[in-house]
Amino acid sequence: MSKTALIKELSKMDSAQLVQIIADAYTAKVEIKDYFEFFLNPDVEKLLDKHKQRIAKELSRTKWGHSKARVTVIKKAVKDFLGFAPGVQAELDMYFLTLATLATTERYVHFTGPQERYVAALTVQIMKYGDDNHVFSDVAERFGRFFDSGMASSRFTRIVKEAMANT
């Protein structure tokens, strides 16, 4: 069902029916419950911490010095966070926390090809986000701090800089 079709159906219902549907959805799905809890009590720091922990947990999957983290799980954690629409600065925080967590992990384990490609794709995504939301100067400043921090290995830094150059 499309969003338009859903809106059309919901517009036919009265207030009591809408309340009942929302209450049923709230109890049926954890994701919907999380959304409404954030909607009613928006605690961006708590939400950011929750998703940061999901990413860190995934990146802790290693074997014999090689990362076993699944890029799809990391992407989903970022996408889920962005789905709450917490605001531009919070979304930038999420992007850069993800990049920093990836950089820290890569210092201790070998990344696979897909993981390295995700680092490049995330860099491009961050730059596009900054451009689309007119906060590119903030993005550039954050990248500057990221490079100055020394948290990333030379290989990781090269991947990020090449992605920036190709954007």
N, C-alpha and C. Protein backbone atom coordinates (compact mmCIF):
# COMPACT_ATOMS: atom_id res chain seq x y z
N MET A 1 0.85 -1.17 0.00
CA MET A 1 0.00 0.00 0.00
C MET A 1 0.89 1.24 0.00
N SER A 2 0.54 2.19 -0.82
CA SER A 2 1.32 3.42 -0.89
C SER A 2 0.92 4.36 0.24
N LYS A 3 1.74 5.35 0.45
CA LYS A 3 1.46 6.34 1.49
C LYS A 3 0.17 7.10 1.15
N THR A 4 -0.02 7.39 -0.12
CA THR A 4 -1.22 8.11 -0.56
C THR A 4 -2.47 7.29 -0.27
N ALA A 5 -2.41 5.99 -0.58
CA ALA A 5 -3.55 5.12 -0.32
C ALA A 5 -3.84 5.02 1.18
N LEU A 6 -2.77 4.96 1.98
CA LEU A 6 -2.95 4.92 3.43
C LEU A 6 -3.63 6.19 3.93
N ILE A 7 -3.16 7.33 3.47
CA ILE A 7 -3.74 8.60 3.89
C ILE A 7 -5.21 8.67 3.49
N LYS A 8 -5.51 8.19 2.31
CA LYS A 8 -6.90 8.18 1.82
C LYS A 8 -7.78 7.35 2.74
N GLU A 9 -7.30 6.16 3.13
CA GLU A 9 -8.07 5.29 4.01
C GLU A 9 -8.21 5.88 5.41
N LEU A 10 -7.12 6.44 5.92
CA LEU A 10 -7.17 7.03 7.26
C LEU A 10 -8.08 8.25 7.33
N SER A 11 -8.15 9.00 6.25
CA SER A 11 -9.00 10.19 6.24
C SER A 11 -10.49 9.84 6.32
N LYS A 12 -10.83 8.60 6.00
CA LYS A 12 -12.22 8.14 6.08
C LYS A 12 -12.63 7.77 7.51
N MET A 13 -11.65 7.63 8.39
CA MET A 13 -11.93 7.16 9.75
C MET A 13 -12.17 8.32 10.71
N ASP A 14 -12.91 8.01 11.77
CA ASP A 14 -13.13 9.04 12.78
C ASP A 14 -11.99 8.99 13.81
N SER A 15 -12.02 9.90 14.73
CA SER A 15 -10.95 10.04 15.72
C SER A 15 -10.76 8.79 16.56
N ALA A 16 -11.83 8.19 17.01
CA ALA A 16 -11.73 6.99 17.85
C ALA A 16 -11.09 5.82 17.09
N GLN A 17 -11.42 5.69 15.83
CA GLN A 17 -10.84 4.62 15.02
C GLN A 17 -9.34 4.85 14.83
N LEU A 18 -8.95 6.10 14.60
CA LEU A 18 -7.53 6.43 14.43
C LEU A 18 -6.75 6.15 15.71
N VAL A 19 -7.33 6.53 16.84
CA VAL A 19 -6.68 6.27 18.13
C VAL A 19 -6.49 4.78 18.32
N GLN A 20 -7.48 3.99 17.99
CA GLN A 20 -7.39 2.54 18.15
C GLN A 20 -6.33 1.94 17.23
N ILE A 21 -6.26 2.39 15.99
CA ILE A 21 -5.24 1.89 15.05
C ILE A 21 -3.84 2.22 15.55
N ILE A 22 -3.65 3.44 16.04
CA ILE A 22 -2.33 3.85 16.56
C ILE A 22 -1.98 3.02 17.80
N ALA A 23 -2.92 2.80 18.68
CA ALA A 23 -2.68 2.00 19.88
C ALA A 23 -2.34 0.56 19.51
N ASP A 24 -3.05 -0.01 18.53
CA ASP A 24 -2.76 -1.37 18.08
C ASP A 24 -1.37 -1.47 17.46
N ALA A 25 -1.02 -0.48 16.64
CA ALA A 25 0.31 -0.46 16.02
C ALA A 25 1.40 -0.33 17.08
N TYR A 26 1.13 0.49 18.10
CA TYR A 26 2.08 0.71 19.19
C TYR A 26 2.42 -0.61 19.90
N THR A 27 1.43 -1.44 20.12
CA THR A 27 1.67 -2.70 20.81
C THR A 27 2.17 -3.80 19.87
N ALA A 28 1.92 -3.66 18.57
CA ALA A 28 2.27 -4.71 17.62
C ALA A 28 3.74 -4.69 17.21
N LYS A 29 4.34 -3.54 17.07
CA LYS A 29 5.70 -3.43 16.54
C LYS A 29 6.58 -2.58 17.43
N VAL A 30 7.76 -3.10 17.73
CA VAL A 30 8.72 -2.38 18.57
C VAL A 30 9.15 -1.09 17.90
N GLU A 31 9.34 -1.13 16.58
CA GLU A 31 9.78 0.06 15.85
C GLU A 31 8.77 1.20 15.97
N ILE A 32 7.48 0.84 15.90
CA ILE A 32 6.43 1.86 16.01
C ILE A 32 6.39 2.40 17.43
N LYS A 33 6.55 1.52 18.40
CA LYS A 33 6.59 1.95 19.80
C LYS A 33 7.75 2.93 20.02
N ASP A 34 8.92 2.58 19.50
CA ASP A 34 10.08 3.46 19.63
C ASP A 34 9.82 4.82 18.99
N TYR A 35 9.19 4.80 17.83
CA TYR A 35 8.89 6.05 17.13
C TYR A 35 7.97 6.94 17.97
N PHE A 36 6.90 6.36 18.48
CA PHE A 36 5.96 7.18 19.25
C PHE A 36 6.55 7.62 20.58
N GLU A 37 7.39 6.80 21.19
CA GLU A 37 8.05 7.23 22.43
C GLU A 37 8.96 8.41 22.16
N PHE A 38 9.68 8.37 21.03
CA PHE A 38 10.52 9.51 20.67
C PHE A 38 9.68 10.72 20.30
N PHE A 39 8.57 10.48 19.60
CA PHE A 39 7.66 11.56 19.20
C PHE A 39 7.10 12.29 20.42
N LEU A 40 6.73 11.52 21.44
CA LEU A 40 6.13 12.11 22.64
C LEU A 40 7.16 12.69 23.60
N ASN A 41 8.35 12.09 23.63
CA ASN A 41 9.41 12.55 24.53
C ASN A 41 10.73 12.51 23.76
N PRO A 42 11.00 13.52 22.93
CA PRO A 42 12.19 13.48 22.08
C PRO A 42 13.50 13.68 22.85
N ASP A 43 14.17 12.58 23.14
CA ASP A 43 15.47 12.61 23.79
C ASP A 43 16.51 12.17 22.75
N VAL A 44 17.07 13.14 22.06
CA VAL A 44 17.98 12.87 20.95
C VAL A 44 19.24 12.15 21.43
N GLU A 45 19.76 12.53 22.58
CA GLU A 45 20.98 11.90 23.10
C GLU A 45 20.76 10.41 23.38
N LYS A 46 19.63 10.09 23.96
CA LYS A 46 19.31 8.69 24.25
C LYS A 46 19.18 7.90 22.96
N LEU A 47 18.51 8.48 21.98
CA LEU A 47 18.33 7.82 20.69
C LEU A 47 19.67 7.64 19.99
N LEU A 48 20.50 8.67 20.02
CA LEU A 48 21.83 8.61 19.40
C LEU A 48 22.68 7.54 20.07
N ASP A 49 22.63 7.48 21.38
CA ASP A 49 23.41 6.49 22.12
C ASP A 49 22.95 5.07 21.79
N LYS A 50 21.66 4.87 21.69
CA LYS A 50 21.10 3.55 21.38
C LYS A 50 21.61 3.06 20.01
N HIS A 51 21.58 3.93 19.01
CA HIS A 51 22.01 3.53 17.68
C HIS A 51 23.53 3.42 17.58
N LYS A 52 24.23 4.24 18.34
CA LYS A 52 25.70 4.14 18.38
C LYS A 52 26.10 2.78 18.96
N GLN A 53 25.39 2.35 20.00
CA GLN A 53 25.68 1.04 20.60
C GLN A 53 25.40 -0.10 19.63
N ARG A 54 24.33 0.03 18.82
CA ARG A 54 24.04 -1.00 17.81
C ARG A 54 25.20 -1.12 16.82
N ILE A 55 25.73 0.03 16.40
CA ILE A 55 26.84 0.04 15.44
C ILE A 55 28.10 -0.52 16.08
N ALA A 56 28.39 -0.10 17.29
CA ALA A 56 29.58 -0.58 17.99
C ALA A 56 29.51 -2.09 18.22
N LYS A 57 28.33 -2.58 18.57
CA LYS A 57 28.15 -4.01 18.77
C LYS A 57 28.42 -4.78 17.48
N GLU A 58 27.91 -4.26 16.38
CA GLU A 58 28.13 -4.93 15.09
C GLU A 58 29.61 -4.90 14.71
N LEU A 59 30.26 -3.77 14.95
CA LEU A 59 31.67 -3.66 14.59
C LEU A 59 32.58 -4.47 15.51
N SER A 60 32.05 -4.93 16.62
CA SER A 60 32.87 -5.75 17.53
C SER A 60 32.93 -7.20 17.06
N ARG A 61 32.22 -7.54 16.01
CA ARG A 61 32.24 -8.90 15.46
C ARG A 61 33.54 -9.08 14.68
N THR A 62 34.45 -9.85 15.26
CA THR A 62 35.75 -10.09 14.62
C THR A 62 36.14 -11.56 14.73
N LYS A 63 37.07 -11.94 13.89
CA LYS A 63 37.65 -13.28 13.98
C LYS A 63 39.06 -13.22 13.39
N TRP A 64 40.01 -13.63 14.20
CA TRP A 64 41.41 -13.69 13.80
C TRP A 64 41.90 -12.37 13.18
N GLY A 65 41.52 -11.26 13.80
CA GLY A 65 42.01 -9.96 13.34
C GLY A 65 41.30 -9.41 12.12
N HIS A 66 40.21 -10.05 11.72
CA HIS A 66 39.44 -9.58 10.57
C HIS A 66 38.03 -9.22 11.03
N SER A 67 37.52 -8.14 10.49
CA SER A 67 36.18 -7.71 10.84
C SER A 67 35.14 -8.62 10.20
N LYS A 68 34.16 -8.98 10.97
CA LYS A 68 33.03 -9.78 10.48
C LYS A 68 31.74 -8.95 10.53
N ALA A 69 31.90 -7.64 10.69
CA ALA A 69 30.73 -6.76 10.76
C ALA A 69 29.99 -6.76 9.44
N ARG A 70 28.67 -6.73 9.54
CA ARG A 70 27.83 -6.70 8.35
C ARG A 70 27.45 -5.26 8.04
N VAL A 71 27.82 -4.83 6.85
CA VAL A 71 27.53 -3.47 6.41
C VAL A 71 26.03 -3.21 6.43
N THR A 72 25.24 -4.20 6.09
CA THR A 72 23.78 -4.03 6.05
C THR A 72 23.23 -3.66 7.43
N VAL A 73 23.80 -4.23 8.47
CA VAL A 73 23.34 -3.94 9.84
C VAL A 73 23.71 -2.51 10.22
N ILE A 74 24.90 -2.08 9.84
CA ILE A 74 25.33 -0.71 10.13
C ILE A 74 24.46 0.29 9.37
N LYS A 75 24.23 0.01 8.09
CA LYS A 75 23.38 0.89 7.28
C LYS A 75 21.98 1.00 7.88
N LYS A 76 21.46 -0.13 8.33
CA LYS A 76 20.11 -0.13 8.91
C LYS A 76 20.06 0.70 10.19
N ALA A 77 21.08 0.61 11.01
CA ALA A 77 21.11 1.39 12.25
C ALA A 77 21.11 2.89 11.93
N VAL A 78 21.90 3.29 10.93
CA VAL A 78 21.94 4.70 10.53
C VAL A 78 20.58 5.12 9.96
N LYS A 79 20.04 4.29 9.08
CA LYS A 79 18.74 4.60 8.45
C LYS A 79 17.64 4.69 9.49
N ASP A 80 17.64 3.77 10.45
CA ASP A 80 16.63 3.80 11.51
C ASP A 80 16.71 5.10 12.30
N PHE A 81 17.92 5.52 12.62
CA PHE A 81 18.10 6.78 13.36
C PHE A 81 17.55 7.95 12.55
N LEU A 82 17.91 8.01 11.27
CA LEU A 82 17.47 9.11 10.42
C LEU A 82 15.95 9.12 10.27
N GLY A 83 15.32 7.94 10.38
CA GLY A 83 13.88 7.84 10.26
C GLY A 83 13.12 8.58 11.36
N PHE A 84 13.78 8.84 12.46
CA PHE A 84 13.14 9.58 13.55
C PHE A 84 13.14 11.09 13.28
N ALA A 85 13.87 11.53 12.26
CA ALA A 85 13.99 12.95 11.90
C ALA A 85 14.31 13.81 13.12
N PRO A 86 15.45 13.53 13.78
CA PRO A 86 15.78 14.27 15.00
C PRO A 86 16.35 15.66 14.76
N GLY A 87 16.61 16.02 13.53
CA GLY A 87 17.17 17.33 13.22
C GLY A 87 18.51 17.21 12.53
N VAL A 88 18.89 18.25 11.83
CA VAL A 88 20.10 18.23 11.00
C VAL A 88 21.35 17.97 11.84
N GLN A 89 21.51 18.68 12.95
CA GLN A 89 22.73 18.51 13.76
C GLN A 89 22.81 17.10 14.35
N ALA A 90 21.70 16.56 14.80
CA ALA A 90 21.70 15.20 15.35
C ALA A 90 22.01 14.18 14.26
N GLU A 91 21.51 14.42 13.06
CA GLU A 91 21.80 13.51 11.96
C GLU A 91 23.27 13.58 11.57
N LEU A 92 23.85 14.78 11.58
CA LEU A 92 25.29 14.90 11.34
C LEU A 92 26.07 14.20 12.44
N ASP A 93 25.62 14.33 13.68
CA ASP A 93 26.28 13.63 14.79
C ASP A 93 26.28 12.13 14.53
N MET A 94 25.16 11.61 14.07
CA MET A 94 25.06 10.17 13.79
C MET A 94 26.02 9.76 12.69
N TYR A 95 26.05 10.52 11.62
CA TYR A 95 26.97 10.21 10.52
C TYR A 95 28.42 10.20 10.99
N PHE A 96 28.81 11.23 11.72
CA PHE A 96 30.21 11.32 12.14
C PHE A 96 30.55 10.34 13.27
N LEU A 97 29.59 10.02 14.13
CA LEU A 97 29.84 8.97 15.12
C LEU A 97 30.05 7.63 14.43
N THR A 98 29.28 7.37 13.40
CA THR A 98 29.44 6.13 12.64
C THR A 98 30.81 6.10 11.99
N LEU A 99 31.20 7.20 11.36
CA LEU A 99 32.51 7.28 10.71
C LEU A 99 33.64 7.09 11.74
N ALA A 100 33.51 7.73 12.90
CA ALA A 100 34.53 7.63 13.94
C ALA A 100 34.61 6.21 14.49
N THR A 101 33.47 5.56 14.66
CA THR A 101 33.45 4.18 15.17
C THR A 101 34.09 3.24 14.15
N LEU A 102 33.80 3.46 12.88
CA LEU A 102 34.43 2.67 11.82
C LEU A 102 35.95 2.89 11.84
N ALA A 103 36.37 4.14 11.98
CA ALA A 103 37.81 4.46 11.98
C ALA A 103 38.52 3.81 13.16
N THR A 104 37.92 3.89 14.31
CA THR A 104 38.52 3.29 15.51
C THR A 104 38.63 1.77 15.36
N THR A 105 37.60 1.16 14.84
CA THR A 105 37.61 -0.30 14.66
C THR A 105 38.66 -0.71 13.65
N GLU A 106 38.75 0.04 12.55
CA GLU A 106 39.67 -0.31 11.48
C GLU A 106 41.13 -0.25 11.92
N ARG A 107 41.42 0.46 12.98
CA ARG A 107 42.79 0.51 13.49
C ARG A 107 43.23 -0.83 14.07
N TYR A 108 42.26 -1.66 14.48
CA TYR A 108 42.59 -2.91 15.16
C TYR A 108 42.27 -4.17 14.38
N VAL A 109 41.43 -4.06 13.38
CA VAL A 109 41.08 -5.23 12.57
C VAL A 109 41.12 -4.86 11.09
N HIS A 110 41.27 -5.88 10.26
CA HIS A 110 41.28 -5.67 8.82
C HIS A 110 39.85 -5.59 8.31
N PHE A 111 39.57 -4.58 7.51
CA PHE A 111 38.25 -4.44 6.91
C PHE A 111 38.21 -5.19 5.59
N THR A 112 37.03 -5.68 5.25
CA THR A 112 36.81 -6.34 3.97
C THR A 112 36.56 -5.27 2.91
N GLY A 113 36.53 -5.70 1.68
CA GLY A 113 36.24 -4.79 0.57
C GLY A 113 34.90 -4.08 0.73
N PRO A 114 33.82 -4.82 1.02
CA PRO A 114 32.54 -4.14 1.21
C PRO A 114 32.56 -3.12 2.36
N GLN A 115 33.29 -3.41 3.40
CA GLN A 115 33.37 -2.47 4.52
C GLN A 115 34.11 -1.20 4.11
N GLU A 116 35.19 -1.37 3.35
CA GLU A 116 35.92 -0.20 2.86
C GLU A 116 35.07 0.61 1.89
N ARG A 117 34.31 -0.07 1.05
CA ARG A 117 33.42 0.63 0.12
C ARG A 117 32.33 1.38 0.88
N TYR A 118 31.90 0.81 2.00
CA TYR A 118 30.89 1.50 2.81
C TYR A 118 31.47 2.78 3.42
N VAL A 119 32.72 2.74 3.83
CA VAL A 119 33.36 3.94 4.37
C VAL A 119 33.34 5.04 3.30
N ALA A 120 33.68 4.68 2.07
CA ALA A 120 33.66 5.65 0.98
C ALA A 120 32.23 6.14 0.70
N ALA A 121 31.28 5.21 0.68
CA ALA A 121 29.88 5.58 0.43
C ALA A 121 29.33 6.46 1.54
N LEU A 122 29.70 6.17 2.78
CA LEU A 122 29.26 6.99 3.92
C LEU A 122 29.83 8.40 3.81
N THR A 123 31.07 8.50 3.38
CA THR A 123 31.70 9.81 3.20
C THR A 123 30.93 10.62 2.16
N VAL A 124 30.61 9.99 1.05
CA VAL A 124 29.84 10.66 -0.01
C VAL A 124 28.47 11.05 0.51
N GLN A 125 27.84 10.16 1.27
CA GLN A 125 26.52 10.43 1.84
C GLN A 125 26.57 11.63 2.78
N ILE A 126 27.60 11.72 3.59
CA ILE A 126 27.75 12.85 4.51
C ILE A 126 27.90 14.16 3.72
N MET A 127 28.73 14.13 2.70
CA MET A 127 28.95 15.34 1.91
C MET A 127 27.67 15.77 1.19
N LYS A 128 26.94 14.82 0.65
CA LYS A 128 25.68 15.12 -0.03
C LYS A 128 24.67 15.68 0.98
N TYR A 129 24.63 15.08 2.15
CA TYR A 129 23.71 15.54 3.19
C TYR A 129 24.03 17.00 3.56
N GLY A 130 25.30 17.29 3.73
CA GLY A 130 25.70 18.66 4.06
C GLY A 130 25.31 19.64 2.98
N ASP A 131 25.48 19.25 1.73
CA ASP A 131 25.12 20.10 0.61
C ASP A 131 23.60 20.29 0.52
N ASP A 132 22.86 19.20 0.65
CA ASP A 132 21.39 19.26 0.55
C ASP A 132 20.76 20.08 1.66
N ASN A 133 21.39 20.09 2.83
CA ASN A 133 20.82 20.78 4.00
C ASN A 133 21.51 22.10 4.31
N HIS A 134 22.35 22.57 3.38
CA HIS A 134 23.01 23.87 3.50
C HIS A 134 23.86 23.99 4.77
N VAL A 135 24.52 22.89 5.13
CA VAL A 135 25.43 22.89 6.29
C VAL A 135 26.80 22.35 5.87
N PHE A 136 27.16 22.62 4.62
CA PHE A 136 28.41 22.07 4.11
C PHE A 136 29.62 22.61 4.86
N SER A 137 29.57 23.86 5.32
CA SER A 137 30.70 24.40 6.07
C SER A 137 30.87 23.64 7.39
N ASP A 138 29.77 23.27 8.02
CA ASP A 138 29.83 22.47 9.25
C ASP A 138 30.41 21.09 8.96
N VAL A 139 30.00 20.50 7.84
CA VAL A 139 30.51 19.19 7.44
C VAL A 139 32.01 19.28 7.19
N ALA A 140 32.44 20.31 6.48
CA ALA A 140 33.87 20.48 6.20
C ALA A 140 34.66 20.65 7.50
N GLU A 141 34.10 21.42 8.43
CA GLU A 141 34.76 21.61 9.73
C GLU A 141 34.87 20.29 10.50
N ARG A 142 33.81 19.51 10.47
CA ARG A 142 33.82 18.22 11.16
C ARG A 142 34.81 17.25 10.53
N PHE A 143 34.88 17.25 9.21
CA PHE A 143 35.89 16.41 8.55
C PHE A 143 37.29 16.87 8.93
N GLY A 144 37.50 18.18 9.03
CA GLY A 144 38.79 18.70 9.45
C GLY A 144 39.17 18.22 10.85
N ARG A 145 38.21 18.29 11.76
CA ARG A 145 38.46 17.80 13.13
C ARG A 145 38.72 16.29 13.13
N PHE A 146 37.98 15.58 12.28
CA PHE A 146 38.15 14.12 12.17
C PHE A 146 39.58 13.80 11.75
N PHE A 147 40.07 14.48 10.71
CA PHE A 147 41.43 14.21 10.23
C PHE A 147 42.47 14.65 11.25
N ASP A 148 42.24 15.77 11.93
CA ASP A 148 43.20 16.29 12.92
C ASP A 148 43.26 15.41 14.17
N SER A 149 42.19 14.68 14.45
CA SER A 149 42.13 13.88 15.68
C SER A 149 43.12 12.72 15.66
N GLY A 150 43.48 12.25 14.50
CA GLY A 150 44.41 11.12 14.39
C GLY A 150 43.79 9.79 14.76
N MET A 151 42.47 9.73 14.86
CA MET A 151 41.81 8.48 15.23
C MET A 151 41.81 7.47 14.09
N ALA A 152 41.97 7.95 12.86
CA ALA A 152 41.91 7.05 11.71
C ALA A 152 43.31 6.66 11.26
N SER A 153 43.42 5.44 10.78
CA SER A 153 44.69 4.98 10.22
C SER A 153 44.93 5.71 8.89
N SER A 154 46.14 5.62 8.39
CA SER A 154 46.44 6.27 7.12
C SER A 154 45.62 5.66 5.99
N ARG A 155 45.38 4.36 6.05
CA ARG A 155 44.57 3.69 5.02
C ARG A 155 43.13 4.21 5.06
N PHE A 156 42.56 4.29 6.24
CA PHE A 156 41.19 4.78 6.41
C PHE A 156 41.09 6.23 5.94
N THR A 157 42.06 7.04 6.33
CA THR A 157 42.08 8.45 5.91
C THR A 157 42.16 8.56 4.40
N ARG A 158 42.95 7.72 3.78
CA ARG A 158 43.06 7.73 2.32
C ARG A 158 41.72 7.40 1.66
N ILE A 159 41.03 6.41 2.19
CA ILE A 159 39.72 6.02 1.64
C ILE A 159 38.75 7.19 1.72
N VAL A 160 38.73 7.86 2.87
CA VAL A 160 37.81 8.98 3.06
C VAL A 160 38.19 10.15 2.13
N LYS A 161 39.46 10.47 2.06
CA LYS A 161 39.90 11.59 1.22
C LYS A 161 39.66 11.32 -0.26
N GLU A 162 39.87 10.08 -0.70
CA GLU A 162 39.59 9.73 -2.09
C GLU A 162 38.11 9.85 -2.40
N ALA A 163 37.28 9.43 -1.47
CA ALA A 163 35.83 9.56 -1.66
C ALA A 163 35.41 11.02 -1.72
N MET A 164 36.04 11.84 -0.90
CA MET A 164 35.75 13.28 -0.93
C MET A 164 36.18 13.89 -2.25
N ALA A 165 37.33 13.48 -2.74
CA ALA A 165 37.85 14.03 -4.01
C ALA A 165 37.00 13.62 -5.20
N ASN A 166 36.40 12.43 -5.12
CA ASN A 166 35.60 11.94 -6.23
C ASN A 166 34.15 12.40 -6.19
N THR A 167 33.82 13.23 -5.20
CA THR A 167 32.44 13.70 -5.06
C THR A 167 32.22 14.96 -5.84
